[in-house]
Amino acid sequence: MGYGNYRDPFAGRRPEYVVRAGEKLSLSFVVLPGESRDIDIAVDLVGDGAEVDLKGLYLCTGDEQVNFRILVHHRVPGCLSHQLFNGLAGGTSRVRFEGRIVVAPDAQKTEAYQENHNILLSDSARVETTPQLEIYADDVKCSHGATIGRLDEDAQFYMRTRGIPEKEARVLQMISFLSPVTPEGERERVESALADSV
């Protein structure tokens, strides 16, 4: 297989994070109502066995503008990266997720996964998501995916038939959706923001 189209994404610039052999980088991002953010994350895995775990959540209920730009570069063999970003967009908020994984020609045995899941809470909110894979090696396990949907009305109906009020049913469903990306120390703050958003 030829790799003539490969270009080092960090040529001429430095990444924010360099992960060396045997190191693990874990980052979590929390964006709550009233916060507009531009979050740029650039990670270069340069040592065998390096690992990266990126998680993020966003809860936008007004006119927030939230942009995630993520670049993860697998430069050497045997590294692992995982990205999971979940968000709720309501009001007239605008969310953009641009994720890019680049696997260099020498980075065999790479495992790289990227997911971005979104729920729209209003007709005026907008989400644009563009997960991307650039793979220049042939012995890898890589995947990416994105979803944009609404709260599950059937699940809410089921909870209401069990005596749970409609507002609480919506909050419980949103808590469940954000749970996989909520840092342990942020649970109370996130749940309070969710309760205030309904």
C-alpha atoms as a PDB file:
ATOM      1  CA  MET A   1       0.000   0.000   0.000  1.00  0.00           C
ATOM      2  CA  GLY A   2       1.338   3.447  -0.891  1.00  0.00           C
ATOM      3  CA  TYR A   3       1.245   6.309   1.548  1.00  0.00           C
ATOM      4  CA  GLY A   4       2.070   9.180  -0.804  1.00  0.00           C
ATOM      5  CA  ASN A   5      -0.772  11.389   0.476  1.00  0.00           C
ATOM      6  CA  TYR A   6       0.323  11.361   4.120  1.00  0.00           C
ATOM      7  CA  ARG A   7       1.329  14.714   5.593  1.00  0.00           C
ATOM      8  CA  ASP A   8       2.402  15.271   9.173  1.00  0.00           C
ATOM      9  CA  PRO A   9      -0.451  17.366  10.640  1.00  0.00           C
ATOM     10  CA  PHE A  10       2.012  19.055  13.014  1.00  0.00           C
ATOM     11  CA  ALA A  11       4.557  20.058  10.379  1.00  0.00           C
ATOM     12  CA  GLY A  12       5.585  23.595  11.253  1.00  0.00           C
ATOM     13  CA  ARG A  13       3.679  23.765  14.562  1.00  0.00           C
ATOM     14  CA  ARG A  14       3.668  22.159  17.991  1.00  0.00           C
ATOM     15  CA  PRO A  15       0.807  20.119  19.453  1.00  0.00           C
ATOM     16  CA  GLU A  16      -0.606  21.109  22.841  1.00  0.00           C
ATOM     17  CA  TYR A  17      -0.048  17.597  24.185  1.00  0.00           C
ATOM     18  CA  VAL A  18       2.724  15.086  23.431  1.00  0.00           C
ATOM     19  CA  VAL A  19       2.195  11.573  24.820  1.00  0.00           C
ATOM     20  CA  ARG A  20       5.338   9.467  25.096  1.00  0.00           C
ATOM     21  CA  ALA A  21       5.980   5.743  25.529  1.00  0.00           C
ATOM     22  CA  GLY A  22       3.856   4.183  28.262  1.00  0.00           C
ATOM     23  CA  GLU A  23       2.160   7.482  29.174  1.00  0.00           C
ATOM     24  CA  LYS A  24      -1.589   8.045  29.405  1.00  0.00           C
ATOM     25  CA  LEU A  25      -3.356  11.376  28.870  1.00  0.00           C
ATOM     26  CA  SER A  26      -6.935  11.769  30.153  1.00  0.00           C
ATOM     27  CA  LEU A  27      -8.840  15.023  29.621  1.00  0.00           C
ATOM     28  CA  SER A  28     -12.473  15.906  30.370  1.00  0.00           C
ATOM     29  CA  PHE A  29     -14.325  19.034  29.226  1.00  0.00           C
ATOM     30  CA  VAL A  30     -17.564  20.391  30.702  1.00  0.00           C
ATOM     31  CA  VAL A  31     -19.481  23.270  29.094  1.00  0.00           C
ATOM     32  CA  LEU A  32     -22.596  24.391  31.009  1.00  0.00           C
ATOM     33  CA  PRO A  33     -25.387  26.865  30.157  1.00  0.00           C
ATOM     34  CA  GLY A  34     -24.263  30.430  29.556  1.00  0.00           C
ATOM     35  CA  GLU A  35     -20.744  29.421  28.478  1.00  0.00           C
ATOM     36  CA  SER A  36     -19.596  29.946  24.878  1.00  0.00           C
ATOM     37  CA  ARG A  37     -16.328  28.182  24.199  1.00  0.00           C
ATOM     38  CA  ASP A  38     -13.751  27.464  21.501  1.00  0.00           C
ATOM     39  CA  ILE A  39     -11.884  24.333  22.548  1.00  0.00           C
ATOM     40  CA  ASP A  40      -8.864  23.260  20.501  1.00  0.00           C
ATOM     41  CA  ILE A  41      -7.145  20.003  21.396  1.00  0.00           C
ATOM     42  CA  ALA A  42      -4.093  18.736  19.489  1.00  0.00           C
ATOM     43  CA  VAL A  43      -2.452  15.504  20.651  1.00  0.00           C
ATOM     44  CA  ASP A  44       0.620  13.737  19.225  1.00  0.00           C
ATOM     45  CA  LEU A  45       1.191  10.109  20.313  1.00  0.00           C
ATOM     46  CA  VAL A  46       4.944   9.645  19.869  1.00  0.00           C
ATOM     47  CA  GLY A  47       5.858   6.610  22.008  1.00  0.00           C
ATOM     48  CA  ASP A  48       4.927   2.928  21.906  1.00  0.00           C
ATOM     49  CA  GLY A  49       1.994   2.112  24.174  1.00  0.00           C
ATOM     50  CA  ALA A  50       0.869   5.729  24.581  1.00  0.00           C
ATOM     51  CA  GLU A  51      -2.843   6.194  25.391  1.00  0.00           C
ATOM     52  CA  VAL A  52      -5.271   9.094  25.125  1.00  0.00           C
ATOM     53  CA  ASP A  53      -8.775   9.332  26.596  1.00  0.00           C
ATOM     54  CA  LEU A  54     -10.771  12.470  25.744  1.00  0.00           C
ATOM     55  CA  LYS A  55     -14.288  13.076  27.064  1.00  0.00           C
ATOM     56  CA  GLY A  56     -16.563  16.063  26.888  1.00  0.00           C
ATOM     57  CA  LEU A  57     -20.084  17.214  27.587  1.00  0.00           C
ATOM     58  CA  TYR A  58     -21.967  20.354  26.716  1.00  0.00           C
ATOM     59  CA  LEU A  59     -25.354  21.619  27.820  1.00  0.00           C
ATOM     60  CA  CYS A  60     -26.430  24.644  25.786  1.00  0.00           C
ATOM     61  CA  THR A  61     -29.851  26.103  26.534  1.00  0.00           C
ATOM     62  CA  GLY A  62     -29.623  29.712  25.325  1.00  0.00           C
ATOM     63  CA  ASP A  63     -27.616  31.351  22.562  1.00  0.00           C
ATOM     64  CA  GLU A  64     -24.238  29.737  23.309  1.00  0.00           C
ATOM     65  CA  GLN A  65     -21.648  29.157  20.586  1.00  0.00           C
ATOM     66  CA  VAL A  66     -19.534  26.067  21.304  1.00  0.00           C
ATOM     67  CA  ASN A  67     -16.801  24.792  18.994  1.00  0.00           C
ATOM     68  CA  PHE A  68     -14.649  21.717  19.504  1.00  0.00           C
ATOM     69  CA  ARG A  69     -11.642  21.175  17.216  1.00  0.00           C
ATOM     70  CA  ILE A  70      -9.791  17.959  18.008  1.00  0.00           C
ATOM     71  CA  LEU A  71      -6.756  16.469  16.301  1.00  0.00           C
ATOM     72  CA  VAL A  72      -5.212  13.195  17.477  1.00  0.00           C
ATOM     73  CA  HIS A  73      -2.110  12.028  15.584  1.00  0.00           C
ATOM     74  CA  HIS A  74      -0.927   8.421  15.926  1.00  0.00           C
ATOM     75  CA  ARG A  75       2.718   8.674  14.932  1.00  0.00           C
ATOM     76  CA  VAL A  76       4.070   5.287  16.132  1.00  0.00           C
ATOM     77  CA  PRO A  77       2.798   1.686  16.477  1.00  0.00           C
ATOM     78  CA  GLY A  78       0.827   0.211  19.350  1.00  0.00           C
ATOM     79  CA  CYS A  79      -1.037   3.275  20.667  1.00  0.00           C
ATOM     80  CA  LEU A  80      -4.657   3.712  21.754  1.00  0.00           C
ATOM     81  CA  SER A  81      -6.953   6.742  21.627  1.00  0.00           C
ATOM     82  CA  HIS A  82     -10.598   7.071  22.580  1.00  0.00           C
ATOM     83  CA  GLN A  83     -12.837  10.125  22.223  1.00  0.00           C
ATOM     84  CA  LEU A  84     -16.426  10.459  23.449  1.00  0.00           C
ATOM     85  CA  PHE A  85     -18.293  13.785  23.382  1.00  0.00           C
ATOM     86  CA  ASN A  86     -22.024  14.022  24.233  1.00  0.00           C
ATOM     87  CA  GLY A  87     -24.089  17.188  24.225  1.00  0.00           C
ATOM     88  CA  LEU A  88     -27.522  18.742  24.535  1.00  0.00           C
ATOM     89  CA  ALA A  89     -28.373  21.800  22.432  1.00  0.00           C
ATOM     90  CA  GLY A  90     -31.435  23.960  23.065  1.00  0.00           C
ATOM     91  CA  GLY A  91     -32.540  27.559  22.632  1.00  0.00           C
ATOM     92  CA  THR A  92     -30.774  29.109  19.646  1.00  0.00           C
ATOM     93  CA  SER A  93     -27.393  27.614  20.510  1.00  0.00           C
ATOM     94  CA  ARG A  94     -24.856  26.577  17.882  1.00  0.00           C
ATOM     95  CA  VAL A  95     -22.512  23.627  18.434  1.00  0.00           C
ATOM     96  CA  ARG A  96     -19.779  22.491  16.084  1.00  0.00           C
ATOM     97  CA  PHE A  97     -17.649  19.373  16.576  1.00  0.00           C
ATOM     98  CA  GLU A  98     -14.667  18.834  14.269  1.00  0.00           C
ATOM     99  CA  GLY A  99     -12.734  15.709  15.139  1.00  0.00           C
ATOM    100  CA  ARG A 100      -9.790  14.341  13.177  1.00  0.00           C
ATOM    101  CA  ILE A 101      -7.696  11.231  13.754  1.00  0.00           C
ATOM    102  CA  VAL A 102      -4.558  10.791  11.646  1.00  0.00           C
ATOM    103  CA  VAL A 103      -2.773   7.429  11.633  1.00  0.00           C
ATOM    104  CA  ALA A 104       0.740   7.702  10.169  1.00  0.00           C
ATOM    105  CA  PRO A 105       2.196   5.034   7.825  1.00  0.00           C
ATOM    106  CA  ASP A 106       4.413   3.567  10.577  1.00  0.00           C
ATOM    107  CA  ALA A 107       1.628   3.468  13.193  1.00  0.00           C
ATOM    108  CA  GLN A 108       0.614  -0.178  12.770  1.00  0.00           C
ATOM    109  CA  LYS A 109      -1.443  -1.840  15.547  1.00  0.00           C
ATOM    110  CA  THR A 110      -3.156   1.488  16.259  1.00  0.00           C
ATOM    111  CA  GLU A 111      -6.548   1.530  17.962  1.00  0.00           C
ATOM    112  CA  ALA A 112      -8.432   4.816  17.594  1.00  0.00           C
ATOM    113  CA  TYR A 113     -12.098   5.513  18.305  1.00  0.00           C
ATOM    114  CA  GLN A 114     -14.115   8.707  18.072  1.00  0.00           C
ATOM    115  CA  GLU A 115     -17.800   9.318  18.900  1.00  0.00           C
ATOM    116  CA  ASN A 116     -19.926  12.458  19.051  1.00  0.00           C
ATOM    117  CA  HIS A 117     -23.593  12.192  20.117  1.00  0.00           C
ATOM    118  CA  ASN A 118     -26.058  15.067  20.296  1.00  0.00           C
ATOM    119  CA  ILE A 119     -29.640  15.693  21.365  1.00  0.00           C
ATOM    120  CA  LEU A 120     -31.546  18.734  20.119  1.00  0.00           C
ATOM    121  CA  LEU A 121     -33.820  20.270  22.748  1.00  0.00           C
ATOM    122  CA  SER A 122     -35.364  22.907  20.455  1.00  0.00           C
ATOM    123  CA  ASP A 123     -36.131  23.491  16.784  1.00  0.00           C
ATOM    124  CA  SER A 124     -33.869  26.551  16.728  1.00  0.00           C
ATOM    125  CA  ALA A 125     -30.689  24.890  18.017  1.00  0.00           C
ATOM    126  CA  ARG A 126     -28.106  23.711  15.473  1.00  0.00           C
ATOM    127  CA  VAL A 127     -25.389  21.056  15.686  1.00  0.00           C
ATOM    128  CA  GLU A 128     -22.783  20.354  13.037  1.00  0.00           C
ATOM    129  CA  THR A 129     -20.538  17.352  13.549  1.00  0.00           C
ATOM    130  CA  THR A 130     -17.707  16.166  11.294  1.00  0.00           C
ATOM    131  CA  PRO A 131     -15.715  13.211  12.651  1.00  0.00           C
ATOM    132  CA  GLN A 132     -12.835  12.281  10.325  1.00  0.00           C
ATOM    133  CA  LEU A 133     -10.360   9.426   9.963  1.00  0.00           C
ATOM    134  CA  GLU A 134      -7.161   9.619   7.901  1.00  0.00           C
ATOM    135  CA  ILE A 135      -5.542   6.190   7.947  1.00  0.00           C
ATOM    136  CA  TYR A 136      -2.210   5.545   6.207  1.00  0.00           C
ATOM    137  CA  ALA A 137      -1.441   2.180   7.874  1.00  0.00           C
ATOM    138  CA  ASP A 138      -3.142  -1.122   7.102  1.00  0.00           C
ATOM    139  CA  ASP A 139      -3.061  -3.032  10.429  1.00  0.00           C
ATOM    140  CA  VAL A 140      -5.320  -0.867  12.593  1.00  0.00           C
ATOM    141  CA  LYS A 141      -8.649  -0.844  14.446  1.00  0.00           C
ATOM    142  CA  CYS A 142     -10.330   2.521  13.962  1.00  0.00           C
ATOM    143  CA  SER A 143     -13.890   3.819  13.970  1.00  0.00           C
ATOM    144  CA  HIS A 144     -15.775   7.053  14.162  1.00  0.00           C
ATOM    145  CA  GLY A 145     -19.414   8.026  14.381  1.00  0.00           C
ATOM    146  CA  ALA A 146     -21.853  10.798  15.113  1.00  0.00           C
ATOM    147  CA  THR A 147     -25.557  11.079  15.902  1.00  0.00           C
ATOM    148  CA  ILE A 148     -28.031  13.934  16.235  1.00  0.00           C
ATOM    149  CA  GLY A 149     -31.494  13.204  17.599  1.00  0.00           C
ATOM    150  CA  ARG A 150     -34.208  14.147  20.083  1.00  0.00           C
ATOM    151  CA  LEU A 151     -35.162  12.960  23.559  1.00  0.00           C
ATOM    152  CA  ASP A 152     -36.945   9.609  23.430  1.00  0.00           C
ATOM    153  CA  GLU A 153     -40.663  10.301  23.873  1.00  0.00           C
ATOM    154  CA  ASP A 154     -41.449   6.593  24.345  1.00  0.00           C
ATOM    155  CA  ALA A 155     -39.013   6.401  27.269  1.00  0.00           C
ATOM    156  CA  GLN A 156     -40.559   9.527  28.796  1.00  0.00           C
ATOM    157  CA  PHE A 157     -44.049   8.081  28.374  1.00  0.00           C
ATOM    158  CA  TYR A 158     -42.937   4.863  30.070  1.00  0.00           C
ATOM    159  CA  MET A 159     -41.531   6.790  33.038  1.00  0.00           C
ATOM    160  CA  ARG A 160     -44.695   8.894  33.317  1.00  0.00           C
ATOM    161  CA  THR A 161     -46.844   5.737  33.410  1.00  0.00           C
ATOM    162  CA  ARG A 162     -44.722   4.726  36.424  1.00  0.00           C
ATOM    163  CA  GLY A 163     -45.614   7.932  38.268  1.00  0.00           C
ATOM    164  CA  ILE A 164     -42.616  10.071  37.330  1.00  0.00           C
ATOM    165  CA  PRO A 165     -43.626  13.667  36.429  1.00  0.00           C
ATOM    166  CA  GLU A 166     -42.847  14.817  32.867  1.00  0.00           C
ATOM    167  CA  LYS A 167     -40.157  17.334  33.869  1.00  0.00           C
ATOM    168  CA  GLU A 168     -38.373  14.771  36.038  1.00  0.00           C
ATOM    169  CA  ALA A 169     -38.593  12.165  33.264  1.00  0.00           C
ATOM    170  CA  ARG A 170     -36.890  14.586  30.848  1.00  0.00           C
ATOM    171  CA  VAL A 171     -34.165  15.382  33.376  1.00  0.00           C
ATOM    172  CA  LEU A 172     -33.549  11.676  34.091  1.00  0.00           C
ATOM    173  CA  GLN A 173     -33.204  10.959  30.381  1.00  0.00           C
ATOM    174  CA  MET A 174     -30.716  13.832  29.953  1.00  0.00           C
ATOM    175  CA  ILE A 175     -28.705  12.697  33.000  1.00  0.00           C
ATOM    176  CA  SER A 176     -28.524   9.205  31.519  1.00  0.00           C
ATOM    177  CA  PHE A 177     -27.344  10.581  28.166  1.00  0.00           C
ATOM    178  CA  LEU A 178     -24.568  12.683  29.720  1.00  0.00           C
ATOM    179  CA  SER A 179     -23.556  10.149  32.375  1.00  0.00           C
ATOM    180  CA  PRO A 180     -20.794   8.416  30.327  1.00  0.00           C
ATOM    181  CA  VAL A 181     -18.948  11.739  29.894  1.00  0.00           C
ATOM    182  CA  THR A 182     -19.644  13.402  33.266  1.00  0.00           C
ATOM    183  CA  PRO A 183     -16.541  13.579  35.490  1.00  0.00           C
ATOM    184  CA  GLU A 184     -17.169  12.224  38.987  1.00  0.00           C
ATOM    185  CA  GLY A 185     -16.475  15.547  40.661  1.00  0.00           C
ATOM    186  CA  GLU A 186     -18.887  17.407  38.357  1.00  0.00           C
ATOM    187  CA  ARG A 187     -22.013  15.239  38.715  1.00  0.00           C
ATOM    188  CA  GLU A 188     -23.845  17.474  41.179  1.00  0.00           C
ATOM    189  CA  ARG A 189     -23.150  20.627  39.179  1.00  0.00           C
ATOM    190  CA  VAL A 190     -24.214  18.999  35.884  1.00  0.00           C
ATOM    191  CA  GLU A 191     -27.404  17.552  37.372  1.00  0.00           C
ATOM    192  CA  SER A 192     -28.301  20.930  38.878  1.00  0.00           C
ATOM    193  CA  ALA A 193     -27.794  22.631  35.502  1.00  0.00           C
ATOM    194  CA  LEU A 194     -29.964  19.983  33.829  1.00  0.00           C
ATOM    195  CA  ALA A 195     -32.774  20.474  36.351  1.00  0.00           C
ATOM    196  CA  ASP A 196     -32.658  24.245  35.768  1.00  0.00           C
ATOM    197  CA  SER A 197     -32.757  23.794  31.975  1.00  0.00           C
ATOM    198  CA  VAL A 198     -36.153  22.051  31.793  1.00  0.00           C
END
